mmCIF file of all heavy atoms, coordinates in Angstrom:
data_MODEL
# 
_entry.id   MODEL 
# 
loop_
_atom_site.group_PDB 
_atom_site.id 
_atom_site.type_symbol 
_atom_site.label_atom_id 
_atom_site.label_alt_id 
_atom_site.label_comp_id 
_atom_site.label_asym_id 
_atom_site.label_entity_id 
_atom_site.label_seq_id 
_atom_site.pdbx_PDB_ins_code 
_atom_site.Cartn_x 
_atom_site.Cartn_y 
_atom_site.Cartn_z 
_atom_site.occupancy 
_atom_site.B_iso_or_equiv 
_atom_site.pdbx_formal_charge 
_atom_site.auth_seq_id 
_atom_site.auth_comp_id 
_atom_site.auth_asym_id 
_atom_site.auth_atom_id 
_atom_site.pdbx_PDB_model_num 
ATOM 1   N N   . ILE A 1 1  ? 24.790  -2.797 -5.751 1.00 0.00 ? 1  ILE A N   1 
ATOM 2   C CA  . ILE A 1 1  ? 23.472  -2.275 -5.623 1.00 0.00 ? 1  ILE A CA  1 
ATOM 3   C C   . ILE A 1 1  ? 22.679  -3.066 -4.662 1.00 0.00 ? 1  ILE A C   1 
ATOM 4   O O   . ILE A 1 1  ? 22.593  -4.263 -4.761 1.00 0.00 ? 1  ILE A O   1 
ATOM 5   C CB  . ILE A 1 1  ? 22.798  -2.144 -7.046 1.00 0.00 ? 1  ILE A CB  1 
ATOM 6   C CG1 . ILE A 1 1  ? 23.468  -1.103 -7.948 1.00 0.00 ? 1  ILE A CG1 1 
ATOM 7   C CG2 . ILE A 1 1  ? 21.360  -1.751 -6.889 1.00 0.00 ? 1  ILE A CG2 1 
ATOM 8   C CD1 . ILE A 1 1  ? 22.941  -1.086 -9.389 1.00 0.00 ? 1  ILE A CD1 1 
ATOM 9   N N   . GLU A 1 2  ? 21.975  -2.363 -3.801 1.00 0.00 ? 2  GLU A N   1 
ATOM 10  C CA  . GLU A 1 2  ? 21.072  -3.009 -2.775 1.00 0.00 ? 2  GLU A CA  1 
ATOM 11  C C   . GLU A 1 2  ? 19.597  -2.673 -3.043 1.00 0.00 ? 2  GLU A C   1 
ATOM 12  O O   . GLU A 1 2  ? 19.220  -1.559 -3.288 1.00 0.00 ? 2  GLU A O   1 
ATOM 13  C CB  . GLU A 1 2  ? 21.445  -2.524 -1.354 1.00 0.00 ? 2  GLU A CB  1 
ATOM 14  C CG  . GLU A 1 2  ? 22.882  -2.934 -0.928 1.00 0.00 ? 2  GLU A CG  1 
ATOM 15  C CD  . GLU A 1 2  ? 23.122  -2.577 0.533  1.00 0.00 ? 2  GLU A CD  1 
ATOM 16  O OE1 . GLU A 1 2  ? 22.101  -2.141 1.174  1.00 0.00 ? 2  GLU A OE1 1 
ATOM 17  O OE2 . GLU A 1 2  ? 24.265  -2.789 0.982  1.00 0.00 ? 2  GLU A OE2 1 
ATOM 18  N N   . ALA A 1 3  ? 18.754  -3.762 -3.041 1.00 0.00 ? 3  ALA A N   1 
ATOM 19  C CA  . ALA A 1 3  ? 17.400  -3.525 -3.170 1.00 0.00 ? 3  ALA A CA  1 
ATOM 20  C C   . ALA A 1 3  ? 16.775  -2.698 -2.021 1.00 0.00 ? 3  ALA A C   1 
ATOM 21  O O   . ALA A 1 3  ? 17.324  -2.832 -0.933 1.00 0.00 ? 3  ALA A O   1 
ATOM 22  C CB  . ALA A 1 3  ? 16.660  -4.846 -3.279 1.00 0.00 ? 3  ALA A CB  1 
ATOM 23  N N   . THR A 1 4  ? 15.717  -2.032 -2.286 1.00 0.00 ? 4  THR A N   1 
ATOM 24  C CA  . THR A 1 4  ? 15.045  -1.273 -1.205 1.00 0.00 ? 4  THR A CA  1 
ATOM 25  C C   . THR A 1 4  ? 13.896  -1.998 -0.488 1.00 0.00 ? 4  THR A C   1 
ATOM 26  O O   . THR A 1 4  ? 13.613  -1.655 0.617  1.00 0.00 ? 4  THR A O   1 
ATOM 27  C CB  . THR A 1 4  ? 14.457  0.085  -1.765 1.00 0.00 ? 4  THR A CB  1 
ATOM 28  O OG1 . THR A 1 4  ? 13.475  -0.280 -2.744 1.00 0.00 ? 4  THR A OG1 1 
ATOM 29  C CG2 . THR A 1 4  ? 15.548  0.873  -2.417 1.00 0.00 ? 4  THR A CG2 1 
ATOM 30  N N   . GLY A 1 5  ? 13.386  -3.009 -1.200 1.00 0.00 ? 5  GLY A N   1 
ATOM 31  C CA  . GLY A 1 5  ? 12.244  -3.665 -0.603 1.00 0.00 ? 5  GLY A CA  1 
ATOM 32  C C   . GLY A 1 5  ? 10.969  -2.892 -0.695 1.00 0.00 ? 5  GLY A C   1 
ATOM 33  O O   . GLY A 1 5  ? 9.967   -3.170 -0.037 1.00 0.00 ? 5  GLY A O   1 
ATOM 34  N N   . ARG A 1 6  ? 10.970  -1.857 -1.554 1.00 0.00 ? 6  ARG A N   1 
ATOM 35  C CA  . ARG A 1 6  ? 9.811   -1.059 -1.681 1.00 0.00 ? 6  ARG A CA  1 
ATOM 36  C C   . ARG A 1 6  ? 8.677   -1.670 -2.558 1.00 0.00 ? 6  ARG A C   1 
ATOM 37  O O   . ARG A 1 6  ? 8.954   -2.279 -3.563 1.00 0.00 ? 6  ARG A O   1 
ATOM 38  C CB  . ARG A 1 6  ? 10.205  0.301  -2.356 1.00 0.00 ? 6  ARG A CB  1 
ATOM 39  C CG  . ARG A 1 6  ? 9.010   1.252  -2.468 1.00 0.00 ? 6  ARG A CG  1 
ATOM 40  C CD  . ARG A 1 6  ? 9.443   2.646  -3.023 1.00 0.00 ? 6  ARG A CD  1 
ATOM 41  N NE  . ARG A 1 6  ? 8.344   3.514  -3.051 1.00 0.00 ? 6  ARG A NE  1 
ATOM 42  C CZ  . ARG A 1 6  ? 8.360   4.797  -3.435 1.00 0.00 ? 6  ARG A CZ  1 
ATOM 43  N NH1 . ARG A 1 6  ? 9.497   5.340  -3.875 1.00 0.00 ? 6  ARG A NH1 1 
ATOM 44  N NH2 . ARG A 1 6  ? 7.355   5.671  -3.438 1.00 0.00 ? 6  ARG A NH2 1 
ATOM 45  N N   . MET A 1 7  ? 7.495   -1.557 -2.049 1.00 0.00 ? 7  MET A N   1 
ATOM 46  C CA  . MET A 1 7  ? 6.348   -2.084 -2.725 1.00 0.00 ? 7  MET A CA  1 
ATOM 47  C C   . MET A 1 7  ? 5.555   -0.833 -3.280 1.00 0.00 ? 7  MET A C   1 
ATOM 48  O O   . MET A 1 7  ? 5.416   0.144  -2.502 1.00 0.00 ? 7  MET A O   1 
ATOM 49  C CB  . MET A 1 7  ? 5.426   -2.840 -1.878 1.00 0.00 ? 7  MET A CB  1 
ATOM 50  C CG  . MET A 1 7  ? 6.011   -4.168 -1.350 1.00 0.00 ? 7  MET A CG  1 
ATOM 51  S SD  . MET A 1 7  ? 4.969   -4.930 -0.036 1.00 0.00 ? 7  MET A SD  1 
ATOM 52  C CE  . MET A 1 7  ? 3.435   -5.132 -0.898 1.00 0.00 ? 7  MET A CE  1 
ATOM 53  N N   . SER A 1 8  ? 5.094   -0.880 -4.472 1.00 0.00 ? 8  SER A N   1 
ATOM 54  C CA  . SER A 1 8  ? 4.311   0.192  -5.031 1.00 0.00 ? 8  SER A CA  1 
ATOM 55  C C   . SER A 1 8  ? 2.897   0.145  -4.507 1.00 0.00 ? 8  SER A C   1 
ATOM 56  O O   . SER A 1 8  ? 2.143   -0.807 -4.868 1.00 0.00 ? 8  SER A O   1 
ATOM 57  C CB  . SER A 1 8  ? 4.335   0.182  -6.556 1.00 0.00 ? 8  SER A CB  1 
ATOM 58  O OG  . SER A 1 8  ? 3.590   1.279  -7.103 1.00 0.00 ? 8  SER A OG  1 
ATOM 59  N N   . ILE A 1 9  ? 2.464   0.991  -3.718 1.00 0.00 ? 9  ILE A N   1 
ATOM 60  C CA  . ILE A 1 9  ? 1.032   1.100  -3.286 1.00 0.00 ? 9  ILE A CA  1 
ATOM 61  C C   . ILE A 1 9  ? 0.394   2.395  -3.496 1.00 0.00 ? 9  ILE A C   1 
ATOM 62  O O   . ILE A 1 9  ? 1.039   3.414  -3.748 1.00 0.00 ? 9  ILE A O   1 
ATOM 63  C CB  . ILE A 1 9  ? 1.043   0.777  -1.670 1.00 0.00 ? 9  ILE A CB  1 
ATOM 64  C CG1 . ILE A 1 9  ? 1.843   1.933  -0.971 1.00 0.00 ? 9  ILE A CG1 1 
ATOM 65  C CG2 . ILE A 1 9  ? 1.582   -0.564 -1.418 1.00 0.00 ? 9  ILE A CG2 1 
ATOM 66  C CD1 . ILE A 1 9  ? 1.720   1.827  0.534  1.00 0.00 ? 9  ILE A CD1 1 
ATOM 67  N N   . ARG A 1 10 ? -0.942  2.403  -3.464 1.00 0.00 ? 10 ARG A N   1 
ATOM 68  C CA  . ARG A 1 10 ? -1.666  3.708  -3.595 1.00 0.00 ? 10 ARG A CA  1 
ATOM 69  C C   . ARG A 1 10 ? -2.412  3.944  -2.307 1.00 0.00 ? 10 ARG A C   1 
ATOM 70  O O   . ARG A 1 10 ? -3.174  3.159  -1.774 1.00 0.00 ? 10 ARG A O   1 
ATOM 71  C CB  . ARG A 1 10 ? -2.586  3.575  -4.800 1.00 0.00 ? 10 ARG A CB  1 
ATOM 72  C CG  . ARG A 1 10 ? -1.873  3.422  -6.030 1.00 0.00 ? 10 ARG A CG  1 
ATOM 73  C CD  . ARG A 1 10 ? -2.841  3.613  -7.242 1.00 0.00 ? 10 ARG A CD  1 
ATOM 74  N NE  . ARG A 1 10 ? -3.287  4.928  -7.422 1.00 0.00 ? 10 ARG A NE  1 
ATOM 75  C CZ  . ARG A 1 10 ? -4.163  5.306  -8.308 1.00 0.00 ? 10 ARG A CZ  1 
ATOM 76  N NH1 . ARG A 1 10 ? -4.711  4.487  -9.137 1.00 0.00 ? 10 ARG A NH1 1 
ATOM 77  N NH2 . ARG A 1 10 ? -4.522  6.692  -8.333 1.00 0.00 ? 10 ARG A NH2 1 
ATOM 78  N N   . MET A 1 11 ? -2.215  5.132  -1.748 1.00 0.00 ? 11 MET A N   1 
ATOM 79  C CA  . MET A 1 11 ? -2.777  5.547  -0.503 1.00 0.00 ? 11 MET A CA  1 
ATOM 80  C C   . MET A 1 11 ? -4.075  6.313  -0.682 1.00 0.00 ? 11 MET A C   1 
ATOM 81  O O   . MET A 1 11 ? -4.226  7.036  -1.756 1.00 0.00 ? 11 MET A O   1 
ATOM 82  C CB  . MET A 1 11 ? -1.730  6.393  0.348  1.00 0.00 ? 11 MET A CB  1 
ATOM 83  C CG  . MET A 1 11 ? -0.432  5.657  0.658  1.00 0.00 ? 11 MET A CG  1 
ATOM 84  S SD  . MET A 1 11 ? -0.582  4.073  1.507  1.00 0.00 ? 11 MET A SD  1 
ATOM 85  C CE  . MET A 1 11 ? -1.239  4.715  3.068  1.00 0.00 ? 11 MET A CE  1 
ATOM 86  N N   . ALA A 1 12 ? -4.875  6.298  0.281  1.00 0.00 ? 12 ALA A N   1 
ATOM 87  C CA  . ALA A 1 12 ? -6.153  7.138  0.295  1.00 0.00 ? 12 ALA A CA  1 
ATOM 88  C C   . ALA A 1 12 ? -6.567  7.280  1.703  1.00 0.00 ? 12 ALA A C   1 
ATOM 89  O O   . ALA A 1 12 ? -5.922  6.847  2.622  1.00 0.00 ? 12 ALA A O   1 
ATOM 90  C CB  . ALA A 1 12 ? -7.234  6.372  -0.529 1.00 0.00 ? 12 ALA A CB  1 
ATOM 91  N N   . HIS A 1 13 ? -7.649  8.018  1.894  1.00 0.00 ? 13 HIS A N   1 
ATOM 92  C CA  . HIS A 1 13 ? -8.223  8.229  3.234  1.00 0.00 ? 13 HIS A CA  1 
ATOM 93  C C   . HIS A 1 13 ? -8.481  6.821  3.798  1.00 0.00 ? 13 HIS A C   1 
ATOM 94  O O   . HIS A 1 13 ? -8.913  5.926  3.128  1.00 0.00 ? 13 HIS A O   1 
ATOM 95  C CB  . HIS A 1 13 ? -9.490  9.047  3.172  1.00 0.00 ? 13 HIS A CB  1 
ATOM 96  C CG  . HIS A 1 13 ? -10.040 9.443  4.487  1.00 0.00 ? 13 HIS A CG  1 
ATOM 97  N ND1 . HIS A 1 13 ? -10.746 8.542  5.315  1.00 0.00 ? 13 HIS A ND1 1 
ATOM 98  C CD2 . HIS A 1 13 ? -9.962  10.591 5.201  1.00 0.00 ? 13 HIS A CD2 1 
ATOM 99  C CE1 . HIS A 1 13 ? -11.081 9.112  6.463  1.00 0.00 ? 13 HIS A CE1 1 
ATOM 100 N NE2 . HIS A 1 13 ? -10.673 10.331 6.428  1.00 0.00 ? 13 HIS A NE2 1 
ATOM 101 N N   . PRO A 1 14 ? -8.112  6.631  5.073  1.00 0.00 ? 14 PRO A N   1 
ATOM 102 C CA  . PRO A 1 14 ? -8.308  5.308  5.684  1.00 0.00 ? 14 PRO A CA  1 
ATOM 103 C C   . PRO A 1 14 ? -9.759  4.615  5.441  1.00 0.00 ? 14 PRO A C   1 
ATOM 104 O O   . PRO A 1 14 ? -9.844  3.480  5.285  1.00 0.00 ? 14 PRO A O   1 
ATOM 105 C CB  . PRO A 1 14 ? -8.101  5.537  7.189  1.00 0.00 ? 14 PRO A CB  1 
ATOM 106 C CG  . PRO A 1 14 ? -7.129  6.701  7.234  1.00 0.00 ? 14 PRO A CG  1 
ATOM 107 C CD  . PRO A 1 14 ? -7.626  7.577  6.018  1.00 0.00 ? 14 PRO A CD  1 
ATOM 108 N N   . ARG A 1 15 ? -10.673 5.507  5.384  1.00 0.00 ? 15 ARG A N   1 
ATOM 109 C CA  . ARG A 1 15 ? -12.085 5.014  5.121  1.00 0.00 ? 15 ARG A CA  1 
ATOM 110 C C   . ARG A 1 15 ? -12.187 4.400  3.729  1.00 0.00 ? 15 ARG A C   1 
ATOM 111 O O   . ARG A 1 15 ? -12.869 3.335  3.511  1.00 0.00 ? 15 ARG A O   1 
ATOM 112 C CB  . ARG A 1 15 ? -13.119 6.164  5.234  1.00 0.00 ? 15 ARG A CB  1 
ATOM 113 C CG  . ARG A 1 15 ? -14.542 5.735  5.098  1.00 0.00 ? 15 ARG A CG  1 
ATOM 114 C CD  . ARG A 1 15 ? -15.534 6.818  5.295  1.00 0.00 ? 15 ARG A CD  1 
ATOM 115 N NE  . ARG A 1 15 ? -15.434 7.846  4.204  1.00 0.00 ? 15 ARG A NE  1 
ATOM 116 C CZ  . ARG A 1 15 ? -14.841 9.039  4.381  1.00 0.00 ? 15 ARG A CZ  1 
ATOM 117 N NH1 . ARG A 1 15 ? -14.294 9.403  5.493  1.00 0.00 ? 15 ARG A NH1 1 
ATOM 118 N NH2 . ARG A 1 15 ? -14.798 9.883  3.369  1.00 0.00 ? 15 ARG A NH2 1 
ATOM 119 N N   . LEU A 1 16 ? -11.493 5.067  2.724  1.00 0.00 ? 16 LEU A N   1 
ATOM 120 C CA  . LEU A 1 16 ? -11.560 4.509  1.337  1.00 0.00 ? 16 LEU A CA  1 
ATOM 121 C C   . LEU A 1 16 ? -10.506 3.322  1.208  1.00 0.00 ? 16 LEU A C   1 
ATOM 122 O O   . LEU A 1 16 ? -10.724 2.440  0.424  1.00 0.00 ? 16 LEU A O   1 
ATOM 123 C CB  . LEU A 1 16 ? -11.153 5.604  0.357  1.00 0.00 ? 16 LEU A CB  1 
ATOM 124 C CG  . LEU A 1 16 ? -12.168 6.831  0.377  1.00 0.00 ? 16 LEU A CG  1 
ATOM 125 C CD1 . LEU A 1 16 ? -11.672 7.882  -0.549 1.00 0.00 ? 16 LEU A CD1 1 
ATOM 126 C CD2 . LEU A 1 16 ? -13.500 6.336  -0.138 1.00 0.00 ? 16 LEU A CD2 1 
ATOM 127 N N   . LEU A 1 17 ? -9.390  3.418  1.919  1.00 0.00 ? 17 LEU A N   1 
ATOM 128 C CA  . LEU A 1 17 ? -8.356  2.448  1.844  1.00 0.00 ? 17 LEU A CA  1 
ATOM 129 C C   . LEU A 1 17 ? -8.816  1.078  2.406  1.00 0.00 ? 17 LEU A C   1 
ATOM 130 O O   . LEU A 1 17 ? -8.464  0.054  1.857  1.00 0.00 ? 17 LEU A O   1 
ATOM 131 C CB  . LEU A 1 17 ? -7.115  2.859  2.606  1.00 0.00 ? 17 LEU A CB  1 
ATOM 132 C CG  . LEU A 1 17 ? -5.847  2.005  2.591  1.00 0.00 ? 17 LEU A CG  1 
ATOM 133 C CD1 . LEU A 1 17 ? -5.376  1.818  1.144  1.00 0.00 ? 17 LEU A CD1 1 
ATOM 134 C CD2 . LEU A 1 17 ? -4.789  2.538  3.463  1.00 0.00 ? 17 LEU A CD2 1 
ATOM 135 N N   . LYS A 1 18 ? -9.658  1.171  3.499  1.00 0.00 ? 18 LYS A N   1 
ATOM 136 C CA  . LYS A 1 18 ? -10.138 -0.033 4.171  1.00 0.00 ? 18 LYS A CA  1 
ATOM 137 C C   . LYS A 1 18 ? -10.894 -0.950 3.272  1.00 0.00 ? 18 LYS A C   1 
ATOM 138 O O   . LYS A 1 18 ? -11.853 -0.525 2.573  1.00 0.00 ? 18 LYS A O   1 
ATOM 139 C CB  . LYS A 1 18 ? -10.989 0.343  5.325  1.00 0.00 ? 18 LYS A CB  1 
ATOM 140 C CG  . LYS A 1 18 ? -11.361 -0.857 6.197  1.00 0.00 ? 18 LYS A CG  1 
ATOM 141 C CD  . LYS A 1 18 ? -12.180 -0.439 7.407  1.00 0.00 ? 18 LYS A CD  1 
ATOM 142 C CE  . LYS A 1 18 ? -12.564 -1.564 8.283  1.00 0.00 ? 18 LYS A CE  1 
ATOM 143 N NZ  . LYS A 1 18 ? -13.405 -1.151 9.491  1.00 0.00 ? 18 LYS A NZ  1 
ATOM 144 N N   . GLY A 1 19 ? -10.391 -2.205 3.173  1.00 0.00 ? 19 GLY A N   1 
ATOM 145 C CA  . GLY A 1 19 ? -11.086 -3.190 2.297  1.00 0.00 ? 19 GLY A CA  1 
ATOM 146 C C   . GLY A 1 19 ? -10.669 -3.178 0.881  1.00 0.00 ? 19 GLY A C   1 
ATOM 147 O O   . GLY A 1 19 ? -11.062 -4.059 0.062  1.00 0.00 ? 19 GLY A O   1 
ATOM 148 N N   . SER A 1 20 ? -9.872  -2.240 0.465  1.00 0.00 ? 20 SER A N   1 
ATOM 149 C CA  . SER A 1 20 ? -9.428  -2.138 -0.935 1.00 0.00 ? 20 SER A CA  1 
ATOM 150 C C   . SER A 1 20 ? -8.231  -3.100 -1.129 1.00 0.00 ? 20 SER A C   1 
ATOM 151 O O   . SER A 1 20 ? -7.738  -3.703 -0.186 1.00 0.00 ? 20 SER A O   1 
ATOM 152 C CB  . SER A 1 20 ? -8.939  -0.726 -1.312 1.00 0.00 ? 20 SER A CB  1 
ATOM 153 O OG  . SER A 1 20 ? -7.767  -0.407 -0.660 1.00 0.00 ? 20 SER A OG  1 
ATOM 154 N N   . SER A 1 21 ? -7.833  -3.218 -2.381 1.00 0.00 ? 21 SER A N   1 
ATOM 155 C CA  . SER A 1 21 ? -6.737  -4.197 -2.777 1.00 0.00 ? 21 SER A CA  1 
ATOM 156 C C   . SER A 1 21 ? -5.423  -3.707 -2.090 1.00 0.00 ? 21 SER A C   1 
ATOM 157 O O   . SER A 1 21 ? -4.385  -4.422 -1.988 1.00 0.00 ? 21 SER A O   1 
ATOM 158 C CB  . SER A 1 21 ? -6.526  -4.322 -4.251 1.00 0.00 ? 21 SER A CB  1 
ATOM 159 O OG  . SER A 1 21 ? -6.309  -3.078 -4.893 1.00 0.00 ? 21 SER A OG  1 
ATOM 160 N N   . TYR A 1 22 ? -5.250  -2.418 -1.777 1.00 0.00 ? 22 TYR A N   1 
ATOM 161 C CA  . TYR A 1 22 ? -4.110  -1.814 -1.150 1.00 0.00 ? 22 TYR A CA  1 
ATOM 162 C C   . TYR A 1 22 ? -4.149  -1.844 0.398  1.00 0.00 ? 22 TYR A C   1 
ATOM 163 O O   . TYR A 1 22 ? -3.145  -1.486 0.968  1.00 0.00 ? 22 TYR A O   1 
ATOM 164 C CB  . TYR A 1 22 ? -3.846  -0.425 -1.657 1.00 0.00 ? 22 TYR A CB  1 
ATOM 165 C CG  . TYR A 1 22 ? -3.443  -0.289 -3.115 1.00 0.00 ? 22 TYR A CG  1 
ATOM 166 C CD1 . TYR A 1 22 ? -4.436  -0.039 -4.063 1.00 0.00 ? 22 TYR A CD1 1 
ATOM 167 C CD2 . TYR A 1 22 ? -2.122  -0.602 -3.528 1.00 0.00 ? 22 TYR A CD2 1 
ATOM 168 C CE1 . TYR A 1 22 ? -4.076  0.075  -5.404 1.00 0.00 ? 22 TYR A CE1 1 
ATOM 169 C CE2 . TYR A 1 22 ? -1.867  -0.599 -4.918 1.00 0.00 ? 22 TYR A CE2 1 
ATOM 170 C CZ  . TYR A 1 22 ? -2.865  -0.274 -5.820 1.00 0.00 ? 22 TYR A CZ  1 
ATOM 171 O OH  . TYR A 1 22 ? -2.470  -0.199 -7.124 1.00 0.00 ? 22 TYR A OH  1 
ATOM 172 N N   . ASP A 1 23 ? -5.200  -2.346 0.957  1.00 0.00 ? 23 ASP A N   1 
ATOM 173 C CA  . ASP A 1 23 ? -5.313  -2.447 2.426  1.00 0.00 ? 23 ASP A CA  1 
ATOM 174 C C   . ASP A 1 23 ? -4.680  -3.817 2.761  1.00 0.00 ? 23 ASP A C   1 
ATOM 175 O O   . ASP A 1 23 ? -5.309  -4.727 3.219  1.00 0.00 ? 23 ASP A O   1 
ATOM 176 C CB  . ASP A 1 23 ? -6.771  -2.368 2.837  1.00 0.00 ? 23 ASP A CB  1 
ATOM 177 C CG  . ASP A 1 23 ? -6.967  -2.191 4.329  1.00 0.00 ? 23 ASP A CG  1 
ATOM 178 O OD1 . ASP A 1 23 ? -5.868  -1.809 5.018  1.00 0.00 ? 23 ASP A OD1 1 
ATOM 179 O OD2 . ASP A 1 23 ? -8.010  -2.503 4.891  1.00 0.00 ? 23 ASP A OD2 1 
ATOM 180 N N   . ILE A 1 24 ? -3.384  -3.909 2.658  1.00 0.00 ? 24 ILE A N   1 
ATOM 181 C CA  . ILE A 1 24 ? -2.700  -5.151 2.791  1.00 0.00 ? 24 ILE A CA  1 
ATOM 182 C C   . ILE A 1 24 ? -2.475  -5.513 4.250  1.00 0.00 ? 24 ILE A C   1 
ATOM 183 O O   . ILE A 1 24 ? -2.381  -4.667 5.140  1.00 0.00 ? 24 ILE A O   1 
ATOM 184 C CB  . ILE A 1 24 ? -1.347  -5.126 2.039  1.00 0.00 ? 24 ILE A CB  1 
ATOM 185 C CG1 . ILE A 1 24 ? -0.449  -3.929 2.625  1.00 0.00 ? 24 ILE A CG1 1 
ATOM 186 C CG2 . ILE A 1 24 ? -1.512  -5.087 0.539  1.00 0.00 ? 24 ILE A CG2 1 
ATOM 187 C CD1 . ILE A 1 24 ? 0.924   -3.916 1.992  1.00 0.00 ? 24 ILE A CD1 1 
ATOM 188 N N   . ALA A 1 25 ? -2.386  -6.883 4.532  1.00 0.00 ? 25 ALA A N   1 
ATOM 189 C CA  . ALA A 1 25 ? -2.093  -7.333 5.856  1.00 0.00 ? 25 ALA A CA  1 
ATOM 190 C C   . ALA A 1 25 ? -0.622  -7.040 6.130  1.00 0.00 ? 25 ALA A C   1 
ATOM 191 O O   . ALA A 1 25 ? 0.252   -7.271 5.205  1.00 0.00 ? 25 ALA A O   1 
ATOM 192 C CB  . ALA A 1 25 ? -2.427  -8.784 5.894  1.00 0.00 ? 25 ALA A CB  1 
# 
């Protein structure tokens, strides 16, 4: 079995996403 490297994130409009905890570097 091979890992996917997937991270669980929550998407939103870029304006709402910006600066949130999901706006990762």
